[in-house]
Structures are given as structure tokens and as C-alpha cells.
Amino acid sequence: MFDPTIYENLKVVMEGAIYDLDLTNEIKVRNRSDILNLAVMSRCFSMQFQSYKAKDSYPLAEIALHTSMKDLALEILEENETEAGCEIAVYFYTRIKNIEKDCSHIEFFLNNIWNQRPAIKQEISYYYSNKNTVYNKVTLTFGRKINEDQIDDFHNIIDHTLQSLYYFETELS
């Protein structure tokens, strides 16, 4: 009999919670990815979405779940299963106008919403031919693994992600 891994169980919960929001017209799912990287034997599941009222392709939110070969092996071989788990990251893709002002404001706002917990990294980019449009990829990482014991945290993560997405939509668009 097949016994699902931590990754599989968390993926099902995350996917269901996000599709429930899509079904109730709170968000629009824009992309879904489930990747098995055979080179390093890792898995990554992610879903990208926008608020239902979004009129443009930005802002966009993404929640990603990642597990490594080491974590899968610890669990499958039943060796030190307490160390096995998955990492979660939240990404926001948006456009900004004033790098210094907007990035500072984004960091301040996200720290308030997320209670100073995740590490926040902002990556700025633009096209050489159009330097007036500046893109910001905001990455939130939590610095710890999660497993089925933290399965209820997904609702908080999704709620905080939605609050953050609404901020990007109202303050930066």
C-alpha cells in the first residue's frame, strides 16, 4: 500500500485551499506547477494567483512547497523522521515606480502583516529597452521545515498572502 509523503499531504492541503478561494471568486489561479527534478531528486509544487478583481497581469502571488531528496529519504527509509519536512516560500511579483521608496514601504508593510517572521528579499529588474517599468520579485522564506504537524498553518499563510496581495494591488498598482 502506498503511504503518501509529507510533501504529498501538504501539497493536497495547499492545492485544495487555493482552489477553494478560486471557486468562491476571491482569487484567480493563473498557474500551477508540480516539478520533479531528476538531477537532484527534489520536488517543487507551486501555485500562482491574483485577486479576482485584478485587471492586469500584476500583482501576482505564488506559494511554493519544496522538498529535497534528503527529506524524502529520511521519511521513506524511516530514519529520523522528525527532521523530514518541506520548505515553503511565498513570492510576489509586482511593478514599482520608485525603487527606494516603494521597496522600503513594501518591506515595512510585509513585516507588519507577517509579524516580522519571514525573511524578505526583493529582486529588482527591468528591460534595457524600457527602464521606466521596474519589476520587483519579493521572496518570503521562513527558515524552517514544515510537516503535517503545521498543516493548519497553511490557512494563515494563505490569509497573509491574500492580505499582502491586496496591499500590492491597492498601494502599488
C-alpha atoms as a PDB file:
ATOM      1  CA  MET A   1       0.000   0.000   0.000  1.00  0.00           C
ATOM      2  CA  PHE A   2       1.259   3.458  -0.923  1.00  0.00           C
ATOM      3  CA  ASP A   3       1.838   5.773   2.024  1.00  0.00           C
ATOM      4  CA  PRO A   4       1.837   9.434   0.948  1.00  0.00           C
ATOM      5  CA  THR A   5       4.826  11.548   1.921  1.00  0.00           C
ATOM      6  CA  ILE A   6       4.758  14.751   3.939  1.00  0.00           C
ATOM      7  CA  TYR A   7       5.192  16.608   0.645  1.00  0.00           C
ATOM      8  CA  GLU A   8       2.168  14.891  -0.931  1.00  0.00           C
ATOM      9  CA  ASN A   9      -0.052  15.546   2.089  1.00  0.00           C
ATOM     10  CA  LEU A  10       0.926  19.228   2.326  1.00  0.00           C
ATOM     11  CA  LYS A  11       0.546  19.657  -1.431  1.00  0.00           C
ATOM     12  CA  VAL A  12      -3.043  18.345  -1.347  1.00  0.00           C
ATOM     13  CA  VAL A  13      -3.979  20.693   1.518  1.00  0.00           C
ATOM     14  CA  MET A  14      -2.355  23.716  -0.144  1.00  0.00           C
ATOM     15  CA  GLU A  15      -3.878  22.980  -3.542  1.00  0.00           C
ATOM     16  CA  GLY A  16      -7.342  22.447  -2.074  1.00  0.00           C
ATOM     17  CA  ALA A  17      -7.240  25.649  -0.017  1.00  0.00           C
ATOM     18  CA  ILE A  18      -6.157  27.737  -3.009  1.00  0.00           C
ATOM     19  CA  TYR A  19      -8.691  26.196  -5.393  1.00  0.00           C
ATOM     20  CA  ASP A  20     -11.426  26.786  -2.789  1.00  0.00           C
ATOM     21  CA  LEU A  21     -10.617  30.514  -2.954  1.00  0.00           C
ATOM     22  CA  ASP A  22     -10.716  30.346  -6.757  1.00  0.00           C
ATOM     23  CA  LEU A  23     -14.092  28.607  -6.617  1.00  0.00           C
ATOM     24  CA  THR A  24     -15.538  31.366  -4.399  1.00  0.00           C
ATOM     25  CA  ASN A  25     -14.196  34.086  -6.740  1.00  0.00           C
ATOM     26  CA  GLU A  26     -11.757  35.557  -4.219  1.00  0.00           C
ATOM     27  CA  ILE A  27      -8.758  34.784  -6.423  1.00  0.00           C
ATOM     28  CA  LYS A  28      -7.958  33.615  -9.939  1.00  0.00           C
ATOM     29  CA  VAL A  29      -5.441  30.786 -10.225  1.00  0.00           C
ATOM     30  CA  ARG A  30      -3.031  31.744 -13.021  1.00  0.00           C
ATOM     31  CA  ASN A  31      -0.536  28.885 -12.984  1.00  0.00           C
ATOM     32  CA  ARG A  32       0.123  25.576 -11.288  1.00  0.00           C
ATOM     33  CA  SER A  33       3.408  23.696 -11.370  1.00  0.00           C
ATOM     34  CA  ASP A  34       4.437  20.297  -9.979  1.00  0.00           C
ATOM     35  CA  ILE A  35       8.075  19.598 -10.806  1.00  0.00           C
ATOM     36  CA  LEU A  36      10.174  16.524 -10.120  1.00  0.00           C
ATOM     37  CA  ASN A  37      13.824  17.474 -10.648  1.00  0.00           C
ATOM     38  CA  LEU A  38      15.529  14.206 -11.559  1.00  0.00           C
ATOM     39  CA  ALA A  39      19.014  15.754 -11.471  1.00  0.00           C
ATOM     40  CA  VAL A  40      18.877  16.362  -7.714  1.00  0.00           C
ATOM     41  CA  MET A  41      15.773  14.289  -6.884  1.00  0.00           C
ATOM     42  CA  SER A  42      13.750  17.133  -5.434  1.00  0.00           C
ATOM     43  CA  ARG A  43      10.127  18.149  -5.826  1.00  0.00           C
ATOM     44  CA  CYS A  44       8.526  21.559  -6.022  1.00  0.00           C
ATOM     45  CA  PHE A  45       4.834  22.396  -6.195  1.00  0.00           C
ATOM     46  CA  SER A  46       3.682  25.957  -6.695  1.00  0.00           C
ATOM     47  CA  MET A  47       0.530  27.873  -7.483  1.00  0.00           C
ATOM     48  CA  GLN A  48       0.307  31.423  -8.784  1.00  0.00           C
ATOM     49  CA  PHE A  49      -2.790  33.536  -8.350  1.00  0.00           C
ATOM     50  CA  GLN A  50      -4.200  37.051  -8.399  1.00  0.00           C
ATOM     51  CA  SER A  51      -7.114  38.689  -6.678  1.00  0.00           C
ATOM     52  CA  TYR A  52     -10.345  38.068  -8.552  1.00  0.00           C
ATOM     53  CA  LYS A  53     -10.692  41.774  -9.355  1.00  0.00           C
ATOM     54  CA  ALA A  54      -7.205  42.124 -10.876  1.00  0.00           C
ATOM     55  CA  LYS A  55      -7.328  43.915 -14.210  1.00  0.00           C
ATOM     56  CA  ASP A  56      -3.672  43.417 -15.159  1.00  0.00           C
ATOM     57  CA  SER A  57      -1.079  40.636 -15.006  1.00  0.00           C
ATOM     58  CA  TYR A  58       0.480  42.325 -11.941  1.00  0.00           C
ATOM     59  CA  PRO A  59       0.496  41.945  -8.993  1.00  0.00           C
ATOM     60  CA  LEU A  60       0.744  38.181  -8.774  1.00  0.00           C
ATOM     61  CA  ALA A  61       1.294  35.915  -5.749  1.00  0.00           C
ATOM     62  CA  GLU A  62       2.885  32.470  -5.669  1.00  0.00           C
ATOM     63  CA  ILE A  63       3.118  29.905  -2.890  1.00  0.00           C
ATOM     64  CA  ALA A  64       5.727  27.175  -3.364  1.00  0.00           C
ATOM     65  CA  LEU A  65       6.329  23.941  -1.477  1.00  0.00           C
ATOM     66  CA  HIS A  66       9.739  22.273  -1.856  1.00  0.00           C
ATOM     67  CA  THR A  67      11.262  19.039  -0.610  1.00  0.00           C
ATOM     68  CA  SER A  68      14.710  17.570  -1.160  1.00  0.00           C
ATOM     69  CA  MET A  69      15.992  14.057  -1.709  1.00  0.00           C
ATOM     70  CA  LYS A  70      17.360  14.073   1.848  1.00  0.00           C
ATOM     71  CA  ASP A  71      13.931  14.837   3.308  1.00  0.00           C
ATOM     72  CA  LEU A  72      12.214  12.234   1.142  1.00  0.00           C
ATOM     73  CA  ALA A  73      14.837   9.628   2.094  1.00  0.00           C
ATOM     74  CA  LEU A  74      14.558  10.389   5.825  1.00  0.00           C
ATOM     75  CA  GLU A  75      10.831   9.823   5.629  1.00  0.00           C
ATOM     76  CA  ILE A  76      10.687   6.835   3.268  1.00  0.00           C
ATOM     77  CA  LEU A  77      13.514   4.958   4.995  1.00  0.00           C
ATOM     78  CA  GLU A  78      12.005   5.915   8.365  1.00  0.00           C
ATOM     79  CA  GLU A  79      15.314   7.335   9.558  1.00  0.00           C
ATOM     80  CA  ASN A  80      14.978  10.312  11.888  1.00  0.00           C
ATOM     81  CA  GLU A  81      11.560  11.235  10.544  1.00  0.00           C
ATOM     82  CA  THR A  82      11.348  14.223  12.886  1.00  0.00           C
ATOM     83  CA  GLU A  83      13.898  16.019  10.670  1.00  0.00           C
ATOM     84  CA  ALA A  84      11.943  15.328   7.473  1.00  0.00           C
ATOM     85  CA  GLY A  85       9.734  18.033   6.069  1.00  0.00           C
ATOM     86  CA  CYS A  86       9.191  20.627   3.381  1.00  0.00           C
ATOM     87  CA  GLU A  87      10.143  24.241   2.913  1.00  0.00           C
ATOM     88  CA  ILE A  88       7.607  26.838   1.931  1.00  0.00           C
ATOM     89  CA  ALA A  89       8.192  30.156   0.196  1.00  0.00           C
ATOM     90  CA  VAL A  90       5.851  32.949  -0.845  1.00  0.00           C
ATOM     91  CA  TYR A  91       6.591  35.175  -3.837  1.00  0.00           C
ATOM     92  CA  PHE A  92       5.012  38.392  -5.023  1.00  0.00           C
ATOM     93  CA  TYR A  93       5.547  39.817  -8.491  1.00  0.00           C
ATOM     94  CA  THR A  94       4.733  43.479  -8.950  1.00  0.00           C
ATOM     95  CA  ARG A  95       5.741  46.661 -10.722  1.00  0.00           C
ATOM     96  CA  ILE A  96       7.099  49.635  -8.829  1.00  0.00           C
ATOM     97  CA  LYS A  97       7.810  53.260  -9.712  1.00  0.00           C
ATOM     98  CA  ASN A  98      10.272  54.491  -7.091  1.00  0.00           C
ATOM     99  CA  ILE A  99      12.783  51.809  -6.068  1.00  0.00           C
ATOM    100  CA  GLU A 100      13.922  53.302  -2.749  1.00  0.00           C
ATOM    101  CA  LYS A 101      10.526  54.472  -1.546  1.00  0.00           C
ATOM    102  CA  ASP A 102       8.459  51.520  -2.779  1.00  0.00           C
ATOM    103  CA  CYS A 103      10.886  48.792  -1.640  1.00  0.00           C
ATOM    104  CA  SER A 104      11.155  50.332   1.819  1.00  0.00           C
ATOM    105  CA  HIS A 105       7.370  50.610   2.059  1.00  0.00           C
ATOM    106  CA  ILE A 106       6.915  47.009   0.867  1.00  0.00           C
ATOM    107  CA  GLU A 107       9.316  45.675   3.488  1.00  0.00           C
ATOM    108  CA  PHE A 108       7.662  47.710   6.256  1.00  0.00           C
ATOM    109  CA  PHE A 109       4.172  46.581   5.272  1.00  0.00           C
ATOM    110  CA  LEU A 110       5.080  42.898   4.867  1.00  0.00           C
ATOM    111  CA  ASN A 111       6.874  42.855   8.224  1.00  0.00           C
ATOM    112  CA  ASN A 112       3.684  44.166   9.838  1.00  0.00           C
ATOM    113  CA  ILE A 113       1.395  41.663   8.113  1.00  0.00           C
ATOM    114  CA  TRP A 114       3.697  38.684   8.677  1.00  0.00           C
ATOM    115  CA  ASN A 115       4.731  39.683  12.245  1.00  0.00           C
ATOM    116  CA  GLN A 116       8.433  40.059  11.365  1.00  0.00           C
ATOM    117  CA  ARG A 117       8.669  36.283  10.773  1.00  0.00           C
ATOM    118  CA  PRO A 118       9.740  35.534   7.231  1.00  0.00           C
ATOM    119  CA  ALA A 119      12.970  36.775   5.733  1.00  0.00           C
ATOM    120  CA  ILE A 120      12.139  39.247   2.961  1.00  0.00           C
ATOM    121  CA  LYS A 121      14.229  39.615  -0.181  1.00  0.00           C
ATOM    122  CA  GLN A 122      13.409  41.977  -3.042  1.00  0.00           C
ATOM    123  CA  GLU A 123      14.849  41.481  -6.511  1.00  0.00           C
ATOM    124  CA  ILE A 124      14.567  44.434  -8.880  1.00  0.00           C
ATOM    125  CA  SER A 125      14.716  44.068 -12.665  1.00  0.00           C
ATOM    126  CA  TYR A 126      13.877  45.974 -15.806  1.00  0.00           C
ATOM    127  CA  TYR A 127      14.282  45.634 -19.543  1.00  0.00           C
ATOM    128  CA  TYR A 128      17.127  47.595 -21.068  1.00  0.00           C
ATOM    129  CA  SER A 129      14.805  48.949 -23.743  1.00  0.00           C
ATOM    130  CA  ASN A 130      12.243  50.114 -21.158  1.00  0.00           C
ATOM    131  CA  LYS A 131      13.891  51.314 -17.959  1.00  0.00           C
ATOM    132  CA  ASN A 132      10.702  53.123 -16.916  1.00  0.00           C
ATOM    133  CA  THR A 133       8.984  49.859 -15.987  1.00  0.00           C
ATOM    134  CA  VAL A 134      10.634  48.329 -12.921  1.00  0.00           C
ATOM    135  CA  TYR A 135       9.667  44.845 -11.743  1.00  0.00           C
ATOM    136  CA  ASN A 136      10.007  43.633  -8.169  1.00  0.00           C
ATOM    137  CA  LYS A 137      10.065  39.972  -7.184  1.00  0.00           C
ATOM    138  CA  VAL A 138       9.527  39.782  -3.423  1.00  0.00           C
ATOM    139  CA  THR A 139      10.520  36.498  -1.772  1.00  0.00           C
ATOM    140  CA  LEU A 140       9.428  35.451   1.711  1.00  0.00           C
ATOM    141  CA  THR A 141      11.211  32.480   3.295  1.00  0.00           C
ATOM    142  CA  PHE A 142      10.601  31.067   6.747  1.00  0.00           C
ATOM    143  CA  GLY A 143      13.915  29.399   7.615  1.00  0.00           C
ATOM    144  CA  ARG A 144      12.400  26.158   8.850  1.00  0.00           C
ATOM    145  CA  LYS A 145      10.797  22.979   7.600  1.00  0.00           C
ATOM    146  CA  ILE A 146       7.143  22.166   7.994  1.00  0.00           C
ATOM    147  CA  ASN A 147       5.360  18.834   8.198  1.00  0.00           C
ATOM    148  CA  GLU A 148       1.852  17.571   8.890  1.00  0.00           C
ATOM    149  CA  ASP A 149       2.002  18.989  12.431  1.00  0.00           C
ATOM    150  CA  GLN A 150       1.880  22.503  10.926  1.00  0.00           C
ATOM    151  CA  ILE A 151      -0.787  21.719   8.327  1.00  0.00           C
ATOM    152  CA  ASP A 152      -3.157  24.276   9.882  1.00  0.00           C
ATOM    153  CA  ASP A 153      -0.546  26.987   9.228  1.00  0.00           C
ATOM    154  CA  PHE A 154      -1.474  26.888   5.529  1.00  0.00           C
ATOM    155  CA  HIS A 155      -4.660  28.817   6.194  1.00  0.00           C
ATOM    156  CA  ASN A 156      -2.678  31.559   7.967  1.00  0.00           C
ATOM    157  CA  ILE A 157      -0.071  31.617   5.200  1.00  0.00           C
ATOM    158  CA  ILE A 158      -2.750  31.892   2.529  1.00  0.00           C
ATOM    159  CA  ASP A 159      -4.611  34.573   4.517  1.00  0.00           C
ATOM    160  CA  HIS A 160      -1.419  36.619   4.979  1.00  0.00           C
ATOM    161  CA  THR A 161      -0.608  36.133   1.296  1.00  0.00           C
ATOM    162  CA  LEU A 162      -4.033  37.496   0.323  1.00  0.00           C
ATOM    163  CA  GLN A 163      -3.643  40.498   2.643  1.00  0.00           C
ATOM    164  CA  SER A 164      -0.248  41.177   1.091  1.00  0.00           C
ATOM    165  CA  LEU A 165      -1.600  40.755  -2.429  1.00  0.00           C
ATOM    166  CA  TYR A 166      -4.386  43.265  -1.738  1.00  0.00           C
ATOM    167  CA  TYR A 167      -1.745  45.695  -0.468  1.00  0.00           C
ATOM    168  CA  PHE A 168       0.231  45.338  -3.703  1.00  0.00           C
ATOM    169  CA  GLU A 169      -2.948  45.802  -5.696  1.00  0.00           C
ATOM    170  CA  THR A 170      -4.177  48.917  -3.886  1.00  0.00           C
ATOM    171  CA  GLU A 171      -0.927  50.673  -2.959  1.00  0.00           C
ATOM    172  CA  LEU A 172       1.389  49.935  -5.887  1.00  0.00           C
ATOM    173  CA  SER A 173      -0.823  49.451  -8.923  1.00  0.00           C
END
